[in-house]
Amino acid sequence: MSDQRVSSEKPKASKRSLSRLAAIQAMFQIEQSGDAPSAVIREFLEHRLGQEIDGDHYLRADTTLFANLVRGCSQEITKIDELIAGSLAKDWTLERIESVIRAILRLGTYELKDHLETPTLVIINEYLELTRAFYDHDEEVSFVNGVLDKIAKILRQGMDLREGTSPHKED
């Protein structure tokens, strides 16, 4: 999986983007290991985000957003999975989707559902960029785009795609 290491170049990702990246990694870990979300959140906060691991320095993420995403997505996983499954083609099942893509879709759906202050286009674009961080092919990006777009139309019907529900500006 991709990571959020510091390079010699100026970092391009915002703290919020890094939080989303770490949340994808955490959700993947939760699914693969069966560990409790609270334990994985604690591990990331204490030992990964903003730390040095094997000589690599990891950038500092927005830890509040990271914890909110992982905790909220984990708590609402059944409803989120229903929304995703309902947005798939008839011959697709949630289980057929690769686990990293599943984590991306779950977190994107959670944000579309519960973070109405964040504009729809910001959420979808963030998760498309993060999909590109994990995959070299456009098929995965197109798939994520299609599913999140369908879910956004269901959850945010009538909302302006470029604006959230609060006046503050997002990343």
N, C-alpha and C. Protein backbone atom coordinates (compact mmCIF):
# COMPACT_ATOMS: atom_id res chain seq x y z
N MET A 1 0.83 -1.18 0.00
CA MET A 1 0.00 0.00 0.00
C MET A 1 0.87 1.24 0.00
N SER A 2 0.29 2.31 -0.44
CA SER A 2 1.00 3.59 -0.46
C SER A 2 1.14 4.12 0.96
N ASP A 3 2.07 5.04 1.15
CA ASP A 3 2.22 5.65 2.46
C ASP A 3 2.34 7.15 2.31
N GLN A 4 2.49 7.84 3.43
CA GLN A 4 2.58 9.29 3.39
C GLN A 4 3.95 9.76 3.85
N ARG A 5 5.00 9.25 3.24
CA ARG A 5 6.37 9.59 3.60
C ARG A 5 6.70 11.00 3.12
N VAL A 6 7.61 11.61 3.84
CA VAL A 6 8.11 12.93 3.46
C VAL A 6 9.14 12.74 2.36
N SER A 7 9.00 13.48 1.28
CA SER A 7 9.99 13.42 0.22
C SER A 7 10.83 14.69 0.27
N SER A 8 11.82 14.76 -0.60
CA SER A 8 12.66 15.95 -0.63
C SER A 8 11.92 17.13 -1.24
N GLU A 9 10.83 16.85 -1.96
CA GLU A 9 10.02 17.92 -2.53
C GLU A 9 9.07 18.45 -1.47
N LYS A 10 8.54 19.62 -1.73
CA LYS A 10 7.53 20.20 -0.84
C LYS A 10 6.29 19.31 -0.87
N PRO A 11 5.73 18.95 0.29
CA PRO A 11 4.56 18.08 0.31
C PRO A 11 3.40 18.70 -0.47
N LYS A 12 2.73 17.88 -1.28
CA LYS A 12 1.62 18.37 -2.08
C LYS A 12 0.29 18.11 -1.39
N ALA A 13 0.25 17.17 -0.50
CA ALA A 13 -1.01 16.78 0.14
C ALA A 13 -1.26 17.62 1.39
N SER A 14 -2.52 17.96 1.58
CA SER A 14 -2.90 18.68 2.79
C SER A 14 -3.00 17.71 3.96
N LYS A 15 -3.08 18.26 5.15
CA LYS A 15 -3.26 17.42 6.34
C LYS A 15 -4.56 16.63 6.23
N ARG A 16 -5.59 17.23 5.65
CA ARG A 16 -6.87 16.53 5.49
C ARG A 16 -6.74 15.38 4.49
N SER A 17 -6.00 15.60 3.41
CA SER A 17 -5.78 14.52 2.44
C SER A 17 -5.00 13.38 3.07
N LEU A 18 -3.99 13.72 3.86
CA LEU A 18 -3.21 12.69 4.55
C LEU A 18 -4.07 11.93 5.55
N SER A 19 -5.03 12.61 6.15
CA SER A 19 -5.95 11.94 7.08
C SER A 19 -6.79 10.92 6.34
N ARG A 20 -7.24 11.29 5.17
CA ARG A 20 -8.04 10.36 4.37
C ARG A 20 -7.20 9.16 3.92
N LEU A 21 -5.97 9.42 3.52
CA LEU A 21 -5.07 8.33 3.13
C LEU A 21 -4.85 7.38 4.29
N ALA A 22 -4.56 7.92 5.46
CA ALA A 22 -4.35 7.08 6.64
C ALA A 22 -5.63 6.33 7.00
N ALA A 23 -6.78 6.97 6.82
CA ALA A 23 -8.06 6.31 7.13
C ALA A 23 -8.28 5.11 6.20
N ILE A 24 -7.91 5.24 4.93
CA ILE A 24 -8.01 4.11 4.01
C ILE A 24 -7.14 2.96 4.50
N GLN A 25 -5.91 3.29 4.89
CA GLN A 25 -5.01 2.25 5.39
C GLN A 25 -5.56 1.61 6.66
N ALA A 26 -6.14 2.42 7.53
CA ALA A 26 -6.69 1.90 8.79
C ALA A 26 -7.90 1.00 8.51
N MET A 27 -8.79 1.43 7.63
CA MET A 27 -9.97 0.61 7.31
C MET A 27 -9.55 -0.71 6.66
N PHE A 28 -8.53 -0.66 5.82
CA PHE A 28 -7.98 -1.88 5.23
C PHE A 28 -7.47 -2.80 6.34
N GLN A 29 -6.71 -2.24 7.27
CA GLN A 29 -6.16 -3.02 8.38
C GLN A 29 -7.26 -3.62 9.24
N ILE A 30 -8.29 -2.86 9.52
CA ILE A 30 -9.41 -3.35 10.33
C ILE A 30 -10.07 -4.54 9.65
N GLU A 31 -10.30 -4.41 8.33
CA GLU A 31 -10.94 -5.51 7.61
C GLU A 31 -10.05 -6.75 7.56
N GLN A 32 -8.77 -6.56 7.31
CA GLN A 32 -7.85 -7.70 7.17
C GLN A 32 -7.55 -8.38 8.50
N SER A 33 -7.39 -7.59 9.56
CA SER A 33 -6.97 -8.15 10.85
C SER A 33 -8.11 -8.47 11.79
N GLY A 34 -9.24 -7.80 11.60
CA GLY A 34 -10.35 -7.97 12.53
C GLY A 34 -10.15 -7.19 13.82
N ASP A 35 -9.12 -6.35 13.88
CA ASP A 35 -8.86 -5.55 15.08
C ASP A 35 -9.97 -4.52 15.27
N ALA A 36 -10.19 -4.15 16.51
CA ALA A 36 -11.19 -3.14 16.84
C ALA A 36 -10.77 -1.79 16.26
N PRO A 37 -11.73 -1.03 15.72
CA PRO A 37 -11.38 0.30 15.20
C PRO A 37 -10.65 1.17 16.21
N SER A 38 -11.05 1.13 17.47
CA SER A 38 -10.39 1.97 18.48
C SER A 38 -8.92 1.60 18.64
N ALA A 39 -8.59 0.32 18.54
CA ALA A 39 -7.20 -0.12 18.66
C ALA A 39 -6.38 0.34 17.45
N VAL A 40 -6.96 0.28 16.27
CA VAL A 40 -6.26 0.69 15.06
C VAL A 40 -6.07 2.21 15.06
N ILE A 41 -7.09 2.94 15.47
CA ILE A 41 -6.97 4.40 15.56
C ILE A 41 -5.84 4.76 16.51
N ARG A 42 -5.83 4.13 17.67
CA ARG A 42 -4.78 4.39 18.67
C ARG A 42 -3.39 4.07 18.10
N GLU A 43 -3.26 2.93 17.41
CA GLU A 43 -1.98 2.56 16.80
C GLU A 43 -1.51 3.62 15.81
N PHE A 44 -2.40 4.09 14.94
CA PHE A 44 -2.02 5.10 13.96
C PHE A 44 -1.63 6.40 14.65
N LEU A 45 -2.39 6.82 15.65
CA LEU A 45 -2.10 8.08 16.33
C LEU A 45 -0.79 8.02 17.12
N GLU A 46 -0.52 6.90 17.74
CA GLU A 46 0.67 6.79 18.58
C GLU A 46 1.93 6.37 17.82
N HIS A 47 1.78 5.61 16.75
CA HIS A 47 2.96 5.00 16.13
C HIS A 47 3.14 5.28 14.64
N ARG A 48 2.21 5.92 13.99
CA ARG A 48 2.37 6.14 12.55
C ARG A 48 2.31 7.60 12.14
N LEU A 49 1.22 8.26 12.40
CA LEU A 49 1.02 9.62 11.90
C LEU A 49 2.02 10.58 12.52
N GLY A 50 2.82 11.21 11.68
CA GLY A 50 3.81 12.17 12.14
C GLY A 50 5.05 11.55 12.78
N GLN A 51 5.22 10.25 12.64
CA GLN A 51 6.34 9.54 13.27
C GLN A 51 7.42 9.18 12.27
N GLU A 52 8.55 8.75 12.78
CA GLU A 52 9.62 8.19 11.97
C GLU A 52 9.56 6.67 12.12
N ILE A 53 9.49 5.98 10.98
CA ILE A 53 9.43 4.52 10.99
C ILE A 53 10.51 4.02 10.04
N ASP A 54 11.45 3.24 10.56
CA ASP A 54 12.55 2.70 9.76
C ASP A 54 13.25 3.79 8.93
N GLY A 55 13.49 4.92 9.54
CA GLY A 55 14.19 6.00 8.87
C GLY A 55 13.34 6.88 7.98
N ASP A 56 12.07 6.52 7.77
CA ASP A 56 11.18 7.33 6.95
C ASP A 56 10.34 8.22 7.86
N HIS A 57 10.26 9.50 7.51
CA HIS A 57 9.46 10.44 8.29
C HIS A 57 8.08 10.54 7.66
N TYR A 58 7.04 10.32 8.46
CA TYR A 58 5.67 10.39 7.98
C TYR A 58 5.08 11.75 8.30
N LEU A 59 4.38 12.31 7.35
CA LEU A 59 3.79 13.63 7.52
C LEU A 59 2.66 13.60 8.56
N ARG A 60 2.43 14.73 9.17
CA ARG A 60 1.39 14.88 10.19
C ARG A 60 0.05 15.08 9.50
N ALA A 61 -0.90 14.29 9.85
CA ALA A 61 -2.26 14.39 9.32
C ALA A 61 -3.14 15.11 10.32
N ASP A 62 -4.33 15.47 9.90
CA ASP A 62 -5.34 16.03 10.79
C ASP A 62 -5.89 14.85 11.60
N THR A 63 -5.38 14.69 12.80
CA THR A 63 -5.71 13.51 13.60
C THR A 63 -7.17 13.45 14.01
N THR A 64 -7.80 14.60 14.18
CA THR A 64 -9.22 14.62 14.53
C THR A 64 -10.05 14.09 13.38
N LEU A 65 -9.75 14.55 12.18
CA LEU A 65 -10.47 14.05 11.00
C LEU A 65 -10.21 12.57 10.81
N PHE A 66 -8.95 12.16 10.92
CA PHE A 66 -8.61 10.74 10.77
C PHE A 66 -9.44 9.87 11.70
N ALA A 67 -9.43 10.20 12.99
CA ALA A 67 -10.17 9.40 13.98
C ALA A 67 -11.67 9.42 13.69
N ASN A 68 -12.20 10.58 13.31
CA ASN A 68 -13.62 10.69 12.99
C ASN A 68 -13.98 9.79 11.81
N LEU A 69 -13.17 9.81 10.77
CA LEU A 69 -13.45 9.01 9.59
C LEU A 69 -13.46 7.51 9.91
N VAL A 70 -12.44 7.06 10.60
CA VAL A 70 -12.34 5.62 10.90
C VAL A 70 -13.45 5.20 11.87
N ARG A 71 -13.63 5.97 12.92
CA ARG A 71 -14.66 5.64 13.91
C ARG A 71 -16.06 5.68 13.28
N GLY A 72 -16.37 6.76 12.59
CA GLY A 72 -17.70 6.92 12.00
C GLY A 72 -17.99 5.89 10.94
N CYS A 73 -17.03 5.65 10.07
CA CYS A 73 -17.21 4.65 9.01
C CYS A 73 -17.41 3.26 9.61
N SER A 74 -16.64 2.94 10.63
CA SER A 74 -16.76 1.63 11.28
C SER A 74 -18.12 1.46 11.95
N GLN A 75 -18.59 2.52 12.59
CA GLN A 75 -19.88 2.45 13.29
C GLN A 75 -21.05 2.33 12.32
N GLU A 76 -20.92 2.88 11.14
CA GLU A 76 -22.03 2.90 10.19
C GLU A 76 -21.79 1.97 9.00
N ILE A 77 -20.94 0.98 9.18
CA ILE A 77 -20.51 0.14 8.06
C ILE A 77 -21.67 -0.60 7.38
N THR A 78 -22.67 -1.03 8.15
CA THR A 78 -23.79 -1.76 7.56
C THR A 78 -24.57 -0.86 6.60
N LYS A 79 -24.92 0.34 7.04
CA LYS A 79 -25.65 1.29 6.19
C LYS A 79 -24.79 1.70 5.00
N ILE A 80 -23.52 1.93 5.22
CA ILE A 80 -22.60 2.32 4.15
C ILE A 80 -22.50 1.21 3.10
N ASP A 81 -22.35 -0.02 3.55
CA ASP A 81 -22.26 -1.16 2.62
C ASP A 81 -23.55 -1.32 1.83
N GLU A 82 -24.70 -1.05 2.44
CA GLU A 82 -25.97 -1.11 1.72
C GLU A 82 -26.02 -0.06 0.61
N LEU A 83 -25.55 1.15 0.91
CA LEU A 83 -25.52 2.21 -0.10
C LEU A 83 -24.59 1.84 -1.25
N ILE A 84 -23.43 1.30 -0.92
CA ILE A 84 -22.48 0.92 -1.96
C ILE A 84 -23.06 -0.21 -2.81
N ALA A 85 -23.57 -1.25 -2.15
CA ALA A 85 -24.14 -2.39 -2.87
C ALA A 85 -25.27 -1.96 -3.80
N GLY A 86 -26.08 -1.02 -3.34
CA GLY A 86 -27.18 -0.52 -4.15
C GLY A 86 -26.74 0.32 -5.34
N SER A 87 -25.49 0.74 -5.35
CA SER A 87 -24.96 1.57 -6.43
C SER A 87 -24.10 0.77 -7.41
N LEU A 88 -23.96 -0.51 -7.17
CA LEU A 88 -23.17 -1.37 -8.06
C LEU A 88 -24.03 -1.93 -9.18
N ALA A 89 -23.38 -2.31 -10.27
CA ALA A 89 -24.08 -3.00 -11.35
C ALA A 89 -24.65 -4.30 -10.80
N LYS A 90 -25.69 -4.79 -11.43
CA LYS A 90 -26.41 -5.98 -10.92
C LYS A 90 -25.52 -7.21 -10.78
N ASP A 91 -24.50 -7.33 -11.61
CA ASP A 91 -23.66 -8.52 -11.55
C ASP A 91 -22.47 -8.35 -10.59
N TRP A 92 -22.42 -7.23 -9.85
CA TRP A 92 -21.35 -6.99 -8.89
C TRP A 92 -21.87 -7.12 -7.46
N THR A 93 -20.99 -7.61 -6.59
CA THR A 93 -21.29 -7.63 -5.16
C THR A 93 -20.18 -6.90 -4.44
N LEU A 94 -20.46 -6.48 -3.23
CA LEU A 94 -19.45 -5.79 -2.43
C LEU A 94 -18.23 -6.69 -2.20
N GLU A 95 -18.46 -7.98 -2.01
CA GLU A 95 -17.38 -8.92 -1.76
C GLU A 95 -16.46 -9.08 -2.96
N ARG A 96 -16.96 -8.79 -4.14
CA ARG A 96 -16.17 -8.92 -5.37
C ARG A 96 -15.17 -7.77 -5.52
N ILE A 97 -15.39 -6.70 -4.81
CA ILE A 97 -14.52 -5.52 -4.91
C ILE A 97 -13.26 -5.73 -4.08
N GLU A 98 -12.13 -5.37 -4.64
CA GLU A 98 -10.84 -5.50 -3.96
C GLU A 98 -10.88 -4.67 -2.67
N SER A 99 -10.22 -5.15 -1.63
CA SER A 99 -10.37 -4.57 -0.29
C SER A 99 -9.93 -3.12 -0.16
N VAL A 100 -8.91 -2.68 -0.89
CA VAL A 100 -8.51 -1.27 -0.82
C VAL A 100 -9.59 -0.40 -1.46
N ILE A 101 -10.12 -0.82 -2.59
CA ILE A 101 -11.21 -0.08 -3.23
C ILE A 101 -12.42 -0.05 -2.31
N ARG A 102 -12.69 -1.15 -1.65
CA ARG A 102 -13.81 -1.20 -0.70
C ARG A 102 -13.61 -0.18 0.42
N ALA A 103 -12.39 -0.07 0.94
CA ALA A 103 -12.10 0.92 1.98
C ALA A 103 -12.29 2.34 1.45
N ILE A 104 -11.84 2.60 0.24
CA ILE A 104 -12.01 3.92 -0.38
C ILE A 104 -13.49 4.24 -0.53
N LEU A 105 -14.25 3.31 -1.06
CA LEU A 105 -15.69 3.54 -1.25
C LEU A 105 -16.41 3.74 0.08
N ARG A 106 -16.04 2.96 1.08
CA ARG A 106 -16.68 3.10 2.39
C ARG A 106 -16.42 4.48 2.99
N LEU A 107 -15.19 4.93 2.94
CA LEU A 107 -14.86 6.23 3.52
C LEU A 107 -15.47 7.37 2.70
N GLY A 108 -15.43 7.26 1.39
CA GLY A 108 -16.06 8.27 0.55
C GLY A 108 -17.55 8.36 0.81
N THR A 109 -18.19 7.22 0.95
CA THR A 109 -19.63 7.18 1.24
C THR A 109 -19.91 7.77 2.61
N TYR A 110 -19.09 7.42 3.60
CA TYR A 110 -19.27 7.99 4.94
C TYR A 110 -19.19 9.52 4.89
N GLU A 111 -18.20 10.05 4.20
CA GLU A 111 -18.08 11.51 4.13
C GLU A 111 -19.25 12.13 3.39
N LEU A 112 -19.69 11.52 2.31
CA LEU A 112 -20.85 12.05 1.59
C LEU A 112 -22.09 12.05 2.48
N LYS A 113 -22.20 11.04 3.30
CA LYS A 113 -23.37 10.87 4.17
C LYS A 113 -23.33 11.76 5.41
N ASP A 114 -22.19 11.84 6.06
CA ASP A 114 -22.13 12.47 7.38
C ASP A 114 -21.32 13.77 7.45
N HIS A 115 -20.66 14.14 6.39
CA HIS A 115 -19.87 15.38 6.39
C HIS A 115 -20.45 16.34 5.35
N LEU A 116 -21.67 16.76 5.60
CA LEU A 116 -22.37 17.62 4.65
C LEU A 116 -21.72 18.99 4.50
N GLU A 117 -20.87 19.36 5.45
CA GLU A 117 -20.17 20.64 5.36
C GLU A 117 -19.10 20.62 4.27
N THR A 118 -18.68 19.44 3.85
CA THR A 118 -17.65 19.31 2.82
C THR A 118 -18.34 19.19 1.45
N PRO A 119 -17.97 20.03 0.51
CA PRO A 119 -18.60 19.97 -0.82
C PRO A 119 -18.45 18.59 -1.46
N THR A 120 -19.48 18.19 -2.17
CA THR A 120 -19.50 16.89 -2.85
C THR A 120 -18.29 16.71 -3.76
N LEU A 121 -18.00 17.73 -4.56
CA LEU A 121 -16.88 17.61 -5.49
C LEU A 121 -15.55 17.46 -4.78
N VAL A 122 -15.38 18.08 -3.62
CA VAL A 122 -14.15 17.94 -2.85
C VAL A 122 -14.00 16.49 -2.40
N ILE A 123 -15.06 15.92 -1.86
CA ILE A 123 -15.00 14.54 -1.38
C ILE A 123 -14.67 13.59 -2.52
N ILE A 124 -15.43 13.67 -3.59
CA ILE A 124 -15.20 12.75 -4.70
C ILE A 124 -13.80 12.92 -5.28
N ASN A 125 -13.38 14.15 -5.50
CA ASN A 125 -12.04 14.38 -6.06
C ASN A 125 -10.94 13.88 -5.13
N GLU A 126 -11.10 14.07 -3.84
CA GLU A 126 -10.11 13.57 -2.88
C GLU A 126 -9.96 12.06 -3.00
N TYR A 127 -11.09 11.34 -3.04
CA TYR A 127 -11.02 9.89 -3.09
C TYR A 127 -10.55 9.39 -4.46
N LEU A 128 -10.77 10.16 -5.51
CA LEU A 128 -10.22 9.78 -6.82
C LEU A 128 -8.70 9.93 -6.80
N GLU A 129 -8.20 11.01 -6.22
CA GLU A 129 -6.75 11.20 -6.11
C GLU A 129 -6.12 10.11 -5.24
N LEU A 130 -6.79 9.75 -4.17
CA LEU A 130 -6.27 8.70 -3.30
C LEU A 130 -6.30 7.34 -4.00
N THR A 131 -7.30 7.11 -4.83
CA THR A 131 -7.34 5.87 -5.61
C THR A 131 -6.12 5.82 -6.53
N ARG A 132 -5.78 6.97 -7.13
CA ARG A 132 -4.58 7.04 -7.99
C ARG A 132 -3.31 6.75 -7.21
N ALA A 133 -3.30 7.05 -5.92
CA ALA A 133 -2.11 6.77 -5.10
C ALA A 133 -1.90 5.27 -4.91
N PHE A 134 -2.97 4.50 -5.01
CA PHE A 134 -2.87 3.05 -4.81
C PHE A 134 -2.81 2.27 -6.13
N TYR A 135 -3.36 2.84 -7.20
CA TYR A 135 -3.50 2.10 -8.46
C TYR A 135 -2.93 2.88 -9.63
N ASP A 136 -2.34 2.17 -10.57
CA ASP A 136 -1.74 2.78 -11.75
C ASP A 136 -2.69 2.84 -12.94
N HIS A 137 -3.84 2.22 -12.86
CA HIS A 137 -4.75 2.14 -13.99
C HIS A 137 -5.99 2.99 -13.77
N ASP A 138 -6.51 3.53 -14.86
CA ASP A 138 -7.69 4.39 -14.78
C ASP A 138 -8.97 3.62 -14.49
N GLU A 139 -8.97 2.30 -14.67
CA GLU A 139 -10.19 1.53 -14.44
C GLU A 139 -10.67 1.66 -12.99
N GLU A 140 -9.75 1.58 -12.07
CA GLU A 140 -10.11 1.69 -10.65
C GLU A 140 -10.64 3.09 -10.32
N VAL A 141 -10.00 4.10 -10.89
CA VAL A 141 -10.44 5.49 -10.65
C VAL A 141 -11.83 5.69 -11.23
N SER A 142 -12.07 5.19 -12.43
CA SER A 142 -13.39 5.31 -13.06
C SER A 142 -14.45 4.58 -12.27
N PHE A 143 -14.10 3.41 -11.75
CA PHE A 143 -15.04 2.64 -10.95
C PHE A 143 -15.43 3.41 -9.68
N VAL A 144 -14.43 3.90 -8.96
CA VAL A 144 -14.68 4.68 -7.73
C VAL A 144 -15.51 5.92 -8.06
N ASN A 145 -15.18 6.61 -9.13
CA ASN A 145 -15.92 7.80 -9.54
C ASN A 145 -17.39 7.47 -9.79
N GLY A 146 -17.64 6.41 -10.54
CA GLY A 146 -19.01 6.03 -10.86
C GLY A 146 -19.84 5.69 -9.62
N VAL A 147 -19.25 4.93 -8.72
CA VAL A 147 -19.98 4.52 -7.51
C VAL A 147 -20.22 5.73 -6.60
N LEU A 148 -19.19 6.52 -6.34
CA LEU A 148 -19.37 7.68 -5.45
C LEU A 148 -20.32 8.70 -6.06
N ASP A 149 -20.30 8.86 -7.37
CA ASP A 149 -21.23 9.78 -8.04
C ASP A 149 -22.67 9.33 -7.84
N LYS A 150 -22.94 8.04 -7.99
CA LYS A 150 -24.30 7.51 -7.77
C LYS A 150 -24.74 7.73 -6.32
N ILE A 151 -23.84 7.45 -5.40
CA ILE A 151 -24.16 7.61 -3.98
C ILE A 151 -24.40 9.08 -3.64
N ALA A 152 -23.58 9.97 -4.20
CA ALA A 152 -23.75 11.41 -3.96
C ALA A 152 -25.11 11.89 -4.45
N LYS A 153 -25.56 11.40 -5.59
CA LYS A 153 -26.86 11.80 -6.13
C LYS A 153 -28.00 11.34 -5.22
N ILE A 154 -27.81 10.22 -4.55
CA ILE A 154 -28.82 9.72 -3.61
C ILE A 154 -28.78 10.53 -2.31
N LEU A 155 -27.60 10.68 -1.74
CA LEU A 155 -27.46 11.29 -0.43
C LEU A 155 -27.55 12.81 -0.43
N ARG A 156 -27.17 13.42 -1.52
CA ARG A 156 -27.07 14.89 -1.56
C ARG A 156 -27.96 15.49 -2.63
N GLN A 157 -29.09 14.87 -2.82
CA GLN A 157 -30.04 15.34 -3.81
C GLN A 157 -30.42 16.79 -3.54
N GLY A 158 -30.28 17.63 -4.55
CA GLY A 158 -30.64 19.03 -4.42
C GLY A 158 -29.56 19.93 -3.87
N MET A 159 -28.45 19.35 -3.40
CA MET A 159 -27.34 20.17 -2.88
C MET A 159 -26.44 20.62 -4.03
N ASP A 160 -25.86 21.79 -3.89
CA ASP A 160 -24.87 22.28 -4.85
C ASP A 160 -23.60 21.45 -4.69
N LEU A 161 -23.11 20.88 -5.77
CA LEU A 161 -21.94 20.01 -5.72
C LEU A 161 -20.68 20.72 -5.27
N ARG A 162 -20.63 22.03 -5.45
CA ARG A 162 -19.43 22.80 -5.13
C ARG A 162 -19.47 23.43 -3.74
N GLU A 163 -20.57 23.29 -3.05
CA GLU A 163 -20.70 23.91 -1.73
C GLU A 163 -21.14 22.89 -0.70
N GLY A 164 -20.66 23.08 0.51
CA GLY A 164 -21.12 22.29 1.64
C GLY A 164 -22.21 23.07 2.36
N THR A 165 -22.55 22.61 3.55
CA THR A 165 -23.63 23.24 4.29
C THR A 165 -23.17 24.32 5.24
N SER A 166 -21.85 24.52 5.36
CA SER A 166 -21.36 25.59 6.23
C SER A 166 -20.49 26.54 5.42
N PRO A 167 -20.30 27.75 5.91
CA PRO A 167 -19.58 28.75 5.14
C PRO A 167 -18.07 28.58 5.07
N HIS A 168 -17.46 27.70 5.92
CA HIS A 168 -16.00 27.59 5.89
C HIS A 168 -15.52 26.83 4.65
N LYS A 169 -14.35 27.17 4.20
CA LYS A 169 -13.79 26.59 2.99
C LYS A 169 -13.03 25.31 3.31
N GLU A 170 -13.22 24.30 2.49
CA GLU A 170 -12.51 23.01 2.64
C GLU A 170 -11.25 23.01 1.80
N ASP A 171 -10.48 21.89 1.91
CA ASP A 171 -9.23 21.77 1.17
C ASP A 171 -9.41 21.70 -0.28
